[in-house]
C-alpha atoms as a PDB file:
ATOM      1  CA  MET A   1      14.639 -32.067-197.952  1.00  0.00           C
ATOM      2  CA  LYS A   2      11.551 -31.114-197.031  1.00  0.00           C
ATOM      3  CA  LEU A   3      12.373 -31.102-192.966  1.00  0.00           C
ATOM      4  CA  GLU A   4      15.293 -28.700-193.861  1.00  0.00           C
ATOM      5  CA  LYS A   5      12.815 -26.613-195.969  1.00  0.00           C
ATOM      6  CA  ALA A   6      10.605 -26.489-192.884  1.00  0.00           C
ATOM      7  CA  THR A   7      13.134 -25.692-190.692  1.00  0.00           C
ATOM      8  CA  ASN A   8      14.310 -22.512-192.780  1.00  0.00           C
ATOM      9  CA  ARG A   9      10.832 -21.664-192.790  1.00  0.00           C
ATOM     10  CA  SER A  10      10.630 -21.643-189.223  1.00  0.00           C
ATOM     11  CA  LYS A  11      12.975 -19.490-188.862  1.00  0.00           C
ATOM     12  CA  MET A  12      12.209 -16.958-191.343  1.00  0.00           C
ATOM     13  CA  GLU A  13       8.551 -16.556-189.640  1.00  0.00           C
ATOM     14  CA  MET A  14      10.632 -15.561-186.564  1.00  0.00           C
ATOM     15  CA  LYS A  15      13.071 -13.103-188.081  1.00  0.00           C
ATOM     16  CA  GLY A  16      12.810  -9.809-187.184  1.00  0.00           C
ATOM     17  CA  SER A  17      11.743 -10.767-183.816  1.00  0.00           C
ATOM     18  CA  ASP A  18      14.411 -10.665-180.066  1.00  0.00           C
ATOM     19  CA  SER A  19      12.816 -14.097-179.599  1.00  0.00           C
ATOM     20  CA  ARG A  20      15.896 -16.326-178.092  1.00  0.00           C
ATOM     21  CA  ARG A  21      15.603 -19.398-180.301  1.00  0.00           C
ATOM     22  CA  PHE A  22      16.688 -22.631-178.574  1.00  0.00           C
ATOM     23  CA  ASP A  23      16.934 -24.582-181.712  1.00  0.00           C
ATOM     24  CA  ASP A  24      15.091 -27.602-180.163  1.00  0.00           C
ATOM     25  CA  ALA A  25      11.913 -29.390-181.722  1.00  0.00           C
ATOM     26  CA  CYS A  26      10.041 -29.865-178.324  1.00  0.00           C
ATOM     27  CA  GLY A  27       6.913 -27.702-178.358  1.00  0.00           C
ATOM     28  CA  MET A  28       7.930 -26.285-175.043  1.00  0.00           C
ATOM     29  CA  ALA A  29      11.206 -24.765-176.596  1.00  0.00           C
ATOM     30  CA  HIS A  30       9.045 -22.931-179.257  1.00  0.00           C
ATOM     31  CA  GLY A  31       6.301 -22.151-176.846  1.00  0.00           C
ATOM     32  CA  LEU A  32       8.890 -20.249-175.135  1.00  0.00           C
ATOM     33  CA  GLU A  33      10.029 -18.724-178.121  1.00  0.00           C
ATOM     34  CA  LEU A  34       6.586 -17.289-179.025  1.00  0.00           C
ATOM     35  CA  LEU A  35       5.615 -16.077-175.430  1.00  0.00           C
ATOM     36  CA  GLY A  36       9.310 -16.157-173.396  1.00  0.00           C
ATOM     37  CA  GLU A  37      10.349 -12.775-173.646  1.00  0.00           C
ATOM     38  CA  ARG A  38       9.821 -10.402-170.987  1.00  0.00           C
ATOM     39  CA  TRP A  39       6.468  -9.140-170.091  1.00  0.00           C
ATOM     40  CA  ALA A  40       4.744 -11.135-173.750  1.00  0.00           C
ATOM     41  CA  LEU A  41       2.950 -13.645-171.667  1.00  0.00           C
ATOM     42  CA  PHE A  42       1.763 -10.792-168.724  1.00  0.00           C
ATOM     43  CA  VAL A  43       0.509  -9.303-172.364  1.00  0.00           C
ATOM     44  CA  VAL A  44      -1.616 -12.047-172.978  1.00  0.00           C
ATOM     45  CA  ARG A  45      -2.852 -12.427-169.345  1.00  0.00           C
ATOM     46  CA  GLU A  46      -4.253  -9.097-169.482  1.00  0.00           C
ATOM     47  CA  LEU A  47      -5.560  -9.598-172.959  1.00  0.00           C
ATOM     48  CA  MET A  48      -7.559 -13.022-171.814  1.00  0.00           C
ATOM     49  CA  LEU A  49     -10.907 -11.160-170.772  1.00  0.00           C
ATOM     50  CA  GLY A  50     -10.751  -9.685-173.686  1.00  0.00           C
ATOM     51  CA  PRO A  51      -9.870  -6.782-176.030  1.00  0.00           C
ATOM     52  CA  ARG A  52      -7.809  -3.578-174.332  1.00  0.00           C
ATOM     53  CA  ARG A  53      -6.534  -0.586-175.425  1.00  0.00           C
ATOM     54  CA  PHE A  54      -2.940   0.548-175.575  1.00  0.00           C
ATOM     55  CA  GLY A  55      -3.250   2.774-172.757  1.00  0.00           C
ATOM     56  CA  ASP A  56      -5.452   0.337-170.425  1.00  0.00           C
ATOM     57  CA  LEU A  57      -2.380  -2.160-170.921  1.00  0.00           C
ATOM     58  CA  ARG A  58      -0.063   0.085-170.074  1.00  0.00           C
ATOM     59  CA  SER A  59      -1.826   1.350-166.850  1.00  0.00           C
ATOM     60  CA  ASP A  60      -2.245  -2.563-165.721  1.00  0.00           C
ATOM     61  CA  LEU A  61       1.281  -3.447-166.399  1.00  0.00           C
ATOM     62  CA  PRO A  62       3.108  -0.338-164.519  1.00  0.00           C
ATOM     63  CA  GLY A  63       6.364  -1.851-164.673  1.00  0.00           C
ATOM     64  CA  ILE A  64       6.279  -2.191-168.433  1.00  0.00           C
ATOM     65  CA  SER A  65       7.753   0.976-170.562  1.00  0.00           C
ATOM     66  CA  ALA A  66       5.645   2.276-173.745  1.00  0.00           C
ATOM     67  CA  ASN A  67       8.184   1.139-175.868  1.00  0.00           C
ATOM     68  CA  VAL A  68       8.577  -2.519-174.983  1.00  0.00           C
ATOM     69  CA  LEU A  69       4.458  -2.871-174.944  1.00  0.00           C
ATOM     70  CA  THR A  70       4.654  -1.895-178.336  1.00  0.00           C
ATOM     71  CA  GLN A  71       7.513  -4.402-179.469  1.00  0.00           C
ATOM     72  CA  ARG A  72       5.500  -6.890-177.553  1.00  0.00           C
ATOM     73  CA  LEU A  73       2.193  -6.281-178.862  1.00  0.00           C
ATOM     74  CA  GLN A  74       4.329  -6.245-182.390  1.00  0.00           C
ATOM     75  CA  GLU A  75       5.640  -9.482-181.736  1.00  0.00           C
ATOM     76  CA  LEU A  76       2.688 -11.601-180.733  1.00  0.00           C
ATOM     77  CA  GLU A  77       0.570  -9.835-183.740  1.00  0.00           C
ATOM     78  CA  ALA A  78       3.161 -11.310-186.263  1.00  0.00           C
ATOM     79  CA  ARG A  79       3.133 -14.550-184.319  1.00  0.00           C
ATOM     80  CA  GLY A  80      -0.824 -14.985-184.815  1.00  0.00           C
ATOM     81  CA  ILE A  81      -1.351 -14.500-180.973  1.00  0.00           C
ATOM     82  CA  VAL A  82      -2.831 -11.199-180.843  1.00  0.00           C
ATOM     83  CA  THR A  83      -4.979  -9.292-183.192  1.00  0.00           C
ATOM     84  CA  ARG A  84      -5.395  -5.416-183.829  1.00  0.00           C
ATOM     85  CA  THR A  85      -8.895  -3.836-184.538  1.00  0.00           C
ATOM     86  CA  THR A  86     -10.561  -0.653-184.385  1.00  0.00           C
ATOM     87  CA  LEU A  87     -13.720  -0.283-182.529  1.00  0.00           C
ATOM     88  CA  PRO A  88     -16.473   1.154-184.884  1.00  0.00           C
ATOM     89  CA  PRO A  89     -17.891   5.015-184.435  1.00  0.00           C
ATOM     90  CA  PRO A  90     -18.479   6.512-181.998  1.00  0.00           C
ATOM     91  CA  ALA A  91     -15.248   4.728-180.098  1.00  0.00           C
ATOM     92  CA  ASN A  92     -13.103   4.949-183.167  1.00  0.00           C
ATOM     93  CA  VAL A  93     -10.130   3.341-180.991  1.00  0.00           C
ATOM     94  CA  GLN A  94      -7.811   0.734-181.751  1.00  0.00           C
ATOM     95  CA  VAL A  95      -7.963  -2.241-179.427  1.00  0.00           C
ATOM     96  CA  TYR A  96      -5.600  -4.966-179.174  1.00  0.00           C
ATOM     97  CA  GLY A  97      -7.259  -8.483-178.561  1.00  0.00           C
ATOM     98  CA  LEU A  98      -6.365 -12.224-178.843  1.00  0.00           C
ATOM     99  CA  THR A  99      -6.804 -14.753-181.674  1.00  0.00           C
ATOM    100  CA  PRO A 100      -8.670 -18.033-180.960  1.00  0.00           C
ATOM    101  CA  TRP A 101      -5.561 -19.183-180.858  1.00  0.00           C
ATOM    102  CA  GLY A 102      -4.362 -16.973-178.358  1.00  0.00           C
ATOM    103  CA  TYR A 103      -6.653 -17.390-175.846  1.00  0.00           C
ATOM    104  CA  ARG A 104      -5.763 -21.336-175.759  1.00  0.00           C
ATOM    105  CA  ALA A 105      -3.025 -19.971-173.715  1.00  0.00           C
ATOM    106  CA  GLU A 106      -5.328 -19.551-171.283  1.00  0.00           C
ATOM    107  CA  ILE A 107      -4.478 -23.148-169.655  1.00  0.00           C
ATOM    108  CA  ILE A 108      -0.880 -21.619-169.443  1.00  0.00           C
ATOM    109  CA  VAL A 109      -1.693 -18.942-167.467  1.00  0.00           C
ATOM    110  CA  LYS A 110      -3.806 -20.431-165.163  1.00  0.00           C
ATOM    111  CA  GLU A 111      -1.340 -23.674-164.589  1.00  0.00           C
ATOM    112  CA  LEU A 112       1.876 -21.925-164.297  1.00  0.00           C
ATOM    113  CA  GLY A 113       0.274 -19.565-161.507  1.00  0.00           C
ATOM    114  CA  ARG A 114      -1.202 -22.413-159.692  1.00  0.00           C
ATOM    115  CA  TRP A 115       2.173 -24.383-160.066  1.00  0.00           C
ATOM    116  CA  ALA A 116       3.885 -21.239-158.877  1.00  0.00           C
ATOM    117  CA  ALA A 117       1.637 -20.032-155.917  1.00  0.00           C
ATOM    118  CA  ALA A 118       2.481 -23.270-154.113  1.00  0.00           C
ATOM    119  CA  SER A 119       6.374 -21.574-153.606  1.00  0.00           C
ATOM    120  CA  PRO A 120       6.992 -20.623-150.002  1.00  0.00           C
ATOM    121  CA  ALA A 121       8.549 -17.625-151.992  1.00  0.00           C
ATOM    122  CA  HIS A 122       5.043 -16.078-153.579  1.00  0.00           C
ATOM    123  CA  ASN A 123       3.744 -13.323-151.748  1.00  0.00           C
ATOM    124  CA  PRO A 124      -0.171 -12.856-152.364  1.00  0.00           C
ATOM    125  CA  ASN A 125      -0.059  -9.674-150.902  1.00  0.00           C
ATOM    126  CA  LEU A 126       2.235  -7.786-154.085  1.00  0.00           C
ATOM    127  CA  PRO A 127       0.130  -5.400-156.087  1.00  0.00           C
ATOM    128  CA  ILE A 128      -2.310  -7.508-158.644  1.00  0.00           C
ATOM    129  CA  SER A 129      -4.173  -6.516-161.907  1.00  0.00           C
ATOM    130  CA  PRO A 130      -8.420  -6.740-161.971  1.00  0.00           C
ATOM    131  CA  VAL A 131      -7.225  -9.107-164.670  1.00  0.00           C
ATOM    132  CA  SER A 132      -4.959 -11.212-162.939  1.00  0.00           C
ATOM    133  CA  MET A 133      -7.250 -11.262-160.200  1.00  0.00           C
ATOM    134  CA  MET A 134     -10.473 -12.712-161.988  1.00  0.00           C
ATOM    135  CA  LEU A 135      -8.336 -15.297-163.581  1.00  0.00           C
ATOM    136  CA  SER A 136      -6.895 -16.449-160.256  1.00  0.00           C
ATOM    137  CA  LEU A 137     -10.564 -17.033-158.994  1.00  0.00           C
ATOM    138  CA  ARG A 138     -11.352 -19.126-161.940  1.00  0.00           C
ATOM    139  CA  THR A 139      -8.352 -20.835-161.177  1.00  0.00           C
ATOM    140  CA  LEU A 140      -8.483 -21.315-157.196  1.00  0.00           C
ATOM    141  CA  ILE A 141     -12.182 -22.253-157.097  1.00  0.00           C
ATOM    142  CA  VAL A 142     -12.695 -25.305-155.256  1.00  0.00           C
ATOM    143  CA  PRO A 143     -15.078 -27.340-157.454  1.00  0.00           C
ATOM    144  CA  GLU A 144     -16.328 -29.794-153.959  1.00  0.00           C
ATOM    145  CA  ARG A 145     -17.057 -26.347-152.445  1.00  0.00           C
ATOM    146  CA  VAL A 146     -19.415 -24.633-154.694  1.00  0.00           C
ATOM    147  CA  GLY A 147     -22.107 -27.933-154.224  1.00  0.00           C
ATOM    148  CA  ASP A 148     -25.413 -26.764-155.554  1.00  0.00           C
ATOM    149  CA  LEU A 149     -24.623 -22.685-155.304  1.00  0.00           C
ATOM    150  CA  ASP A 150     -25.716 -20.748-158.343  1.00  0.00           C
ATOM    151  CA  PHE A 151     -25.534 -16.893-158.206  1.00  0.00           C
ATOM    152  CA  ILE A 152     -23.948 -13.893-160.139  1.00  0.00           C
ATOM    153  CA  VAL A 153     -21.136 -11.982-158.469  1.00  0.00           C
ATOM    154  CA  GLY A 154     -20.040  -8.389-159.707  1.00  0.00           C
ATOM    155  CA  PHE A 155     -16.643  -6.917-159.654  1.00  0.00           C
ATOM    156  CA  ARG A 156     -15.902  -3.076-160.265  1.00  0.00           C
ATOM    157  CA  PHE A 157     -12.373  -1.910-160.557  1.00  0.00           C
ATOM    158  CA  GLY A 158     -12.680   1.901-161.762  1.00  0.00           C
ATOM    159  CA  ALA A 159     -14.001   1.636-164.934  1.00  0.00           C
ATOM    160  CA  LEU A 160     -13.728  -1.870-165.322  1.00  0.00           C
ATOM    161  CA  ALA A 161     -16.437  -4.541-164.926  1.00  0.00           C
ATOM    162  CA  PHE A 162     -16.627  -8.053-164.678  1.00  0.00           C
ATOM    163  CA  ARG A 163     -19.731  -9.782-163.938  1.00  0.00           C
ATOM    164  CA  GLY A 164     -19.049 -13.877-162.511  1.00  0.00           C
ATOM    165  CA  HIS A 165     -21.340 -16.534-162.977  1.00  0.00           C
ATOM    166  CA  VAL A 166     -20.221 -19.669-159.711  1.00  0.00           C
ATOM    167  CA  ARG A 167     -22.424 -22.630-160.449  1.00  0.00           C
ATOM    168  CA  LYS A 168     -21.429 -26.082-161.608  1.00  0.00           C
ATOM    169  CA  GLY A 169     -18.020 -26.362-159.659  1.00  0.00           C
ATOM    170  CA  GLU A 170     -16.690 -23.410-161.256  1.00  0.00           C
ATOM    171  CA  ILE A 171     -16.706 -19.380-161.847  1.00  0.00           C
ATOM    172  CA  VAL A 172     -17.270 -18.317-165.530  1.00  0.00           C
ATOM    173  CA  ILE A 173     -16.219 -14.672-166.037  1.00  0.00           C
ATOM    174  CA  THR A 174     -16.976 -11.976-168.533  1.00  0.00           C
ATOM    175  CA  ARG A 175     -15.800  -8.728-169.129  1.00  0.00           C
ATOM    176  CA  GLU A 176     -19.810  -6.812-168.723  1.00  0.00           C
ATOM    177  CA  GLU A 177     -21.728  -5.114-166.360  1.00  0.00           C
ATOM    178  CA  PRO A 178     -23.264  -7.452-163.693  1.00  0.00           C
ATOM    179  CA  LYS A 179     -26.484  -6.037-163.446  1.00  0.00           C
ATOM    180  CA  ASP A 180     -28.170  -9.160-162.543  1.00  0.00           C
ATOM    181  CA  ALA A 181     -25.323 -10.084-159.344  1.00  0.00           C
ATOM    182  CA  ALA A 182     -26.520 -10.905-155.962  1.00  0.00           C
ATOM    183  CA  PHE A 183     -23.624  -9.045-154.905  1.00  0.00           C
ATOM    184  CA  THR A 184     -21.024  -6.597-155.944  1.00  0.00           C
ATOM    185  CA  PHE A 185     -17.225  -5.781-154.634  1.00  0.00           C
ATOM    186  CA  SER A 186     -16.201  -2.423-155.509  1.00  0.00           C
ATOM    187  CA  GLY A 187     -12.290  -1.059-155.266  1.00  0.00           C
ATOM    188  CA  THR A 188      -8.861  -2.337-155.911  1.00  0.00           C
ATOM    189  CA  ALA A 189      -7.963  -5.952-157.213  1.00  0.00           C
ATOM    190  CA  PRO A 190      -5.402  -6.237-154.096  1.00  0.00           C
ATOM    191  CA  GLY A 191      -8.250  -5.498-152.052  1.00  0.00           C
ATOM    192  CA  LEU A 192     -10.374  -8.335-153.319  1.00  0.00           C
ATOM    193  CA  GLY A 193      -7.020 -10.454-153.029  1.00  0.00           C
ATOM    194  CA  ALA A 194      -6.984  -9.740-149.560  1.00  0.00           C
ATOM    195  CA  PHE A 195     -10.899 -10.615-148.568  1.00  0.00           C
ATOM    196  CA  VAL A 196     -10.838 -13.887-150.898  1.00  0.00           C
ATOM    197  CA  HIS A 197      -7.259 -14.702-150.072  1.00  0.00           C
ATOM    198  CA  GLY A 198      -5.919 -13.591-147.112  1.00  0.00           C
ATOM    199  CA  GLU A 199      -9.050 -13.411-144.853  1.00  0.00           C
ATOM    200  CA  VAL A 200      -8.886  -9.883-144.330  1.00  0.00           C
ATOM    201  CA  PRO A 201     -12.675  -8.379-143.387  1.00  0.00           C
ATOM    202  CA  ILE A 202     -14.235  -5.596-145.267  1.00  0.00           C
ATOM    203  CA  PRO A 203     -14.838  -3.607-143.098  1.00  0.00           C
ATOM    204  CA  ALA A 204     -11.071  -3.265-142.599  1.00  0.00           C
ATOM    205  CA  LEU A 205     -10.584  -3.088-146.199  1.00  0.00           C
ATOM    206  CA  GLU A 206     -12.891  -0.302-146.484  1.00  0.00           C
ATOM    207  CA  ALA A 207     -11.902   1.837-144.130  1.00  0.00           C
ATOM    208  CA  GLU A 208      -8.429   1.608-146.004  1.00  0.00           C
ATOM    209  CA  GLY A 209     -10.382   2.590-149.252  1.00  0.00           C
ATOM    210  CA  LEU A 210      -9.304  -0.873-150.971  1.00  0.00           C
ATOM    211  CA  LEU A 211     -12.756  -2.704-151.379  1.00  0.00           C
ATOM    212  CA  SER A 212     -16.655  -2.443-150.405  1.00  0.00           C
ATOM    213  CA  VAL A 213     -19.787  -4.833-151.113  1.00  0.00           C
ATOM    214  CA  GLU A 214     -22.941  -4.341-151.662  1.00  0.00           C
ATOM    215  CA  GLY A 215     -25.810  -7.305-151.657  1.00  0.00           C
ATOM    216  CA  ASP A 216     -26.463 -10.638-150.227  1.00  0.00           C
ATOM    217  CA  PRO A 217     -24.266 -10.927-146.885  1.00  0.00           C
ATOM    218  CA  THR A 218     -24.914 -14.546-146.533  1.00  0.00           C
ATOM    219  CA  LEU A 219     -23.272 -15.043-150.047  1.00  0.00           C
ATOM    220  CA  ILE A 220     -20.514 -12.400-149.007  1.00  0.00           C
ATOM    221  CA  ALA A 221     -19.663 -14.360-145.719  1.00  0.00           C
ATOM    222  CA  ALA A 222     -19.322 -17.624-148.076  1.00  0.00           C
ATOM    223  CA  PHE A 223     -17.691 -16.255-151.489  1.00  0.00           C
ATOM    224  CA  PRO A 224     -13.697 -16.712-149.801  1.00  0.00           C
ATOM    225  CA  ASP A 225     -14.529 -20.036-148.650  1.00  0.00           C
ATOM    226  CA  LEU A 226     -14.977 -21.018-152.512  1.00  0.00           C
ATOM    227  CA  PHE A 227     -11.434 -20.686-152.609  1.00  0.00           C
ATOM    228  CA  GLU A 228      -7.915 -22.080-152.020  1.00  0.00           C
ATOM    229  CA  LEU A 229      -4.542 -21.049-152.637  1.00  0.00           C
ATOM    230  CA  PRO A 230      -2.064 -23.784-153.264  1.00  0.00           C
ATOM    231  CA  GLU A 231      -0.913 -25.723-149.980  1.00  0.00           C
ATOM    232  CA  LYS A 232       3.277 -24.467-150.135  1.00  0.00           C
ATOM    233  CA  VAL A 233       6.041 -26.830-150.899  1.00  0.00           C
ATOM    234  CA  VAL A 234       8.770 -27.501-148.187  1.00  0.00           C
ATOM    235  CA  VAL A 235      11.806 -26.187-149.503  1.00  0.00           C
ATOM    236  CA  LYS A 236      14.920 -27.687-147.908  1.00  0.00           C
ATOM    237  CA  ASP A 237      18.063 -25.312-146.756  1.00  0.00           C
END
């Protein structure tokens, strides 16, 4: 009887959503019910480094319509993954952020990205958002290559700024002005990706208006070597 009540309650909690139900007790199945709708995981990804306005989300997810984004945000909020708040004056603007439980989905975003990057069909040269680029750095840094390095790196993508602290085998990235950075990248997320993952030199990227950098030349040159894309799997024909 208790099991039946719990099952009925679970179905009621998901009622009103267009989520496809699997009627499977596996946690993975419920995870797909929570985050498996088209664009849902992208929205979570874009909120992983802090709250954002609706317009900012729409800008960094160019393939999503305003109606679908609204629907996904409402669903994620109803499921306890996203929270909506209003910034205090003078901003007085509504923003969306992740709940503490929502932030715990970072491991899903990172490991799914790492796993999929091993696919022969993965193309690292496609467009990428600033937040997604930052998460890729957190995912693909190689701890053994960091060694005793300890430095701050800055990233500026238009009005969006990040501060990365490289030390102890990882890069901790926060959304803030990188005032104490040893060097700072400015430009576009695809430009940074081309430098870090594509071995494209800064002068070539600067000539195309994609990326520039100022600061310690030694650390700048060493930075791409701290990261590595997964080895591609071999798929038989």
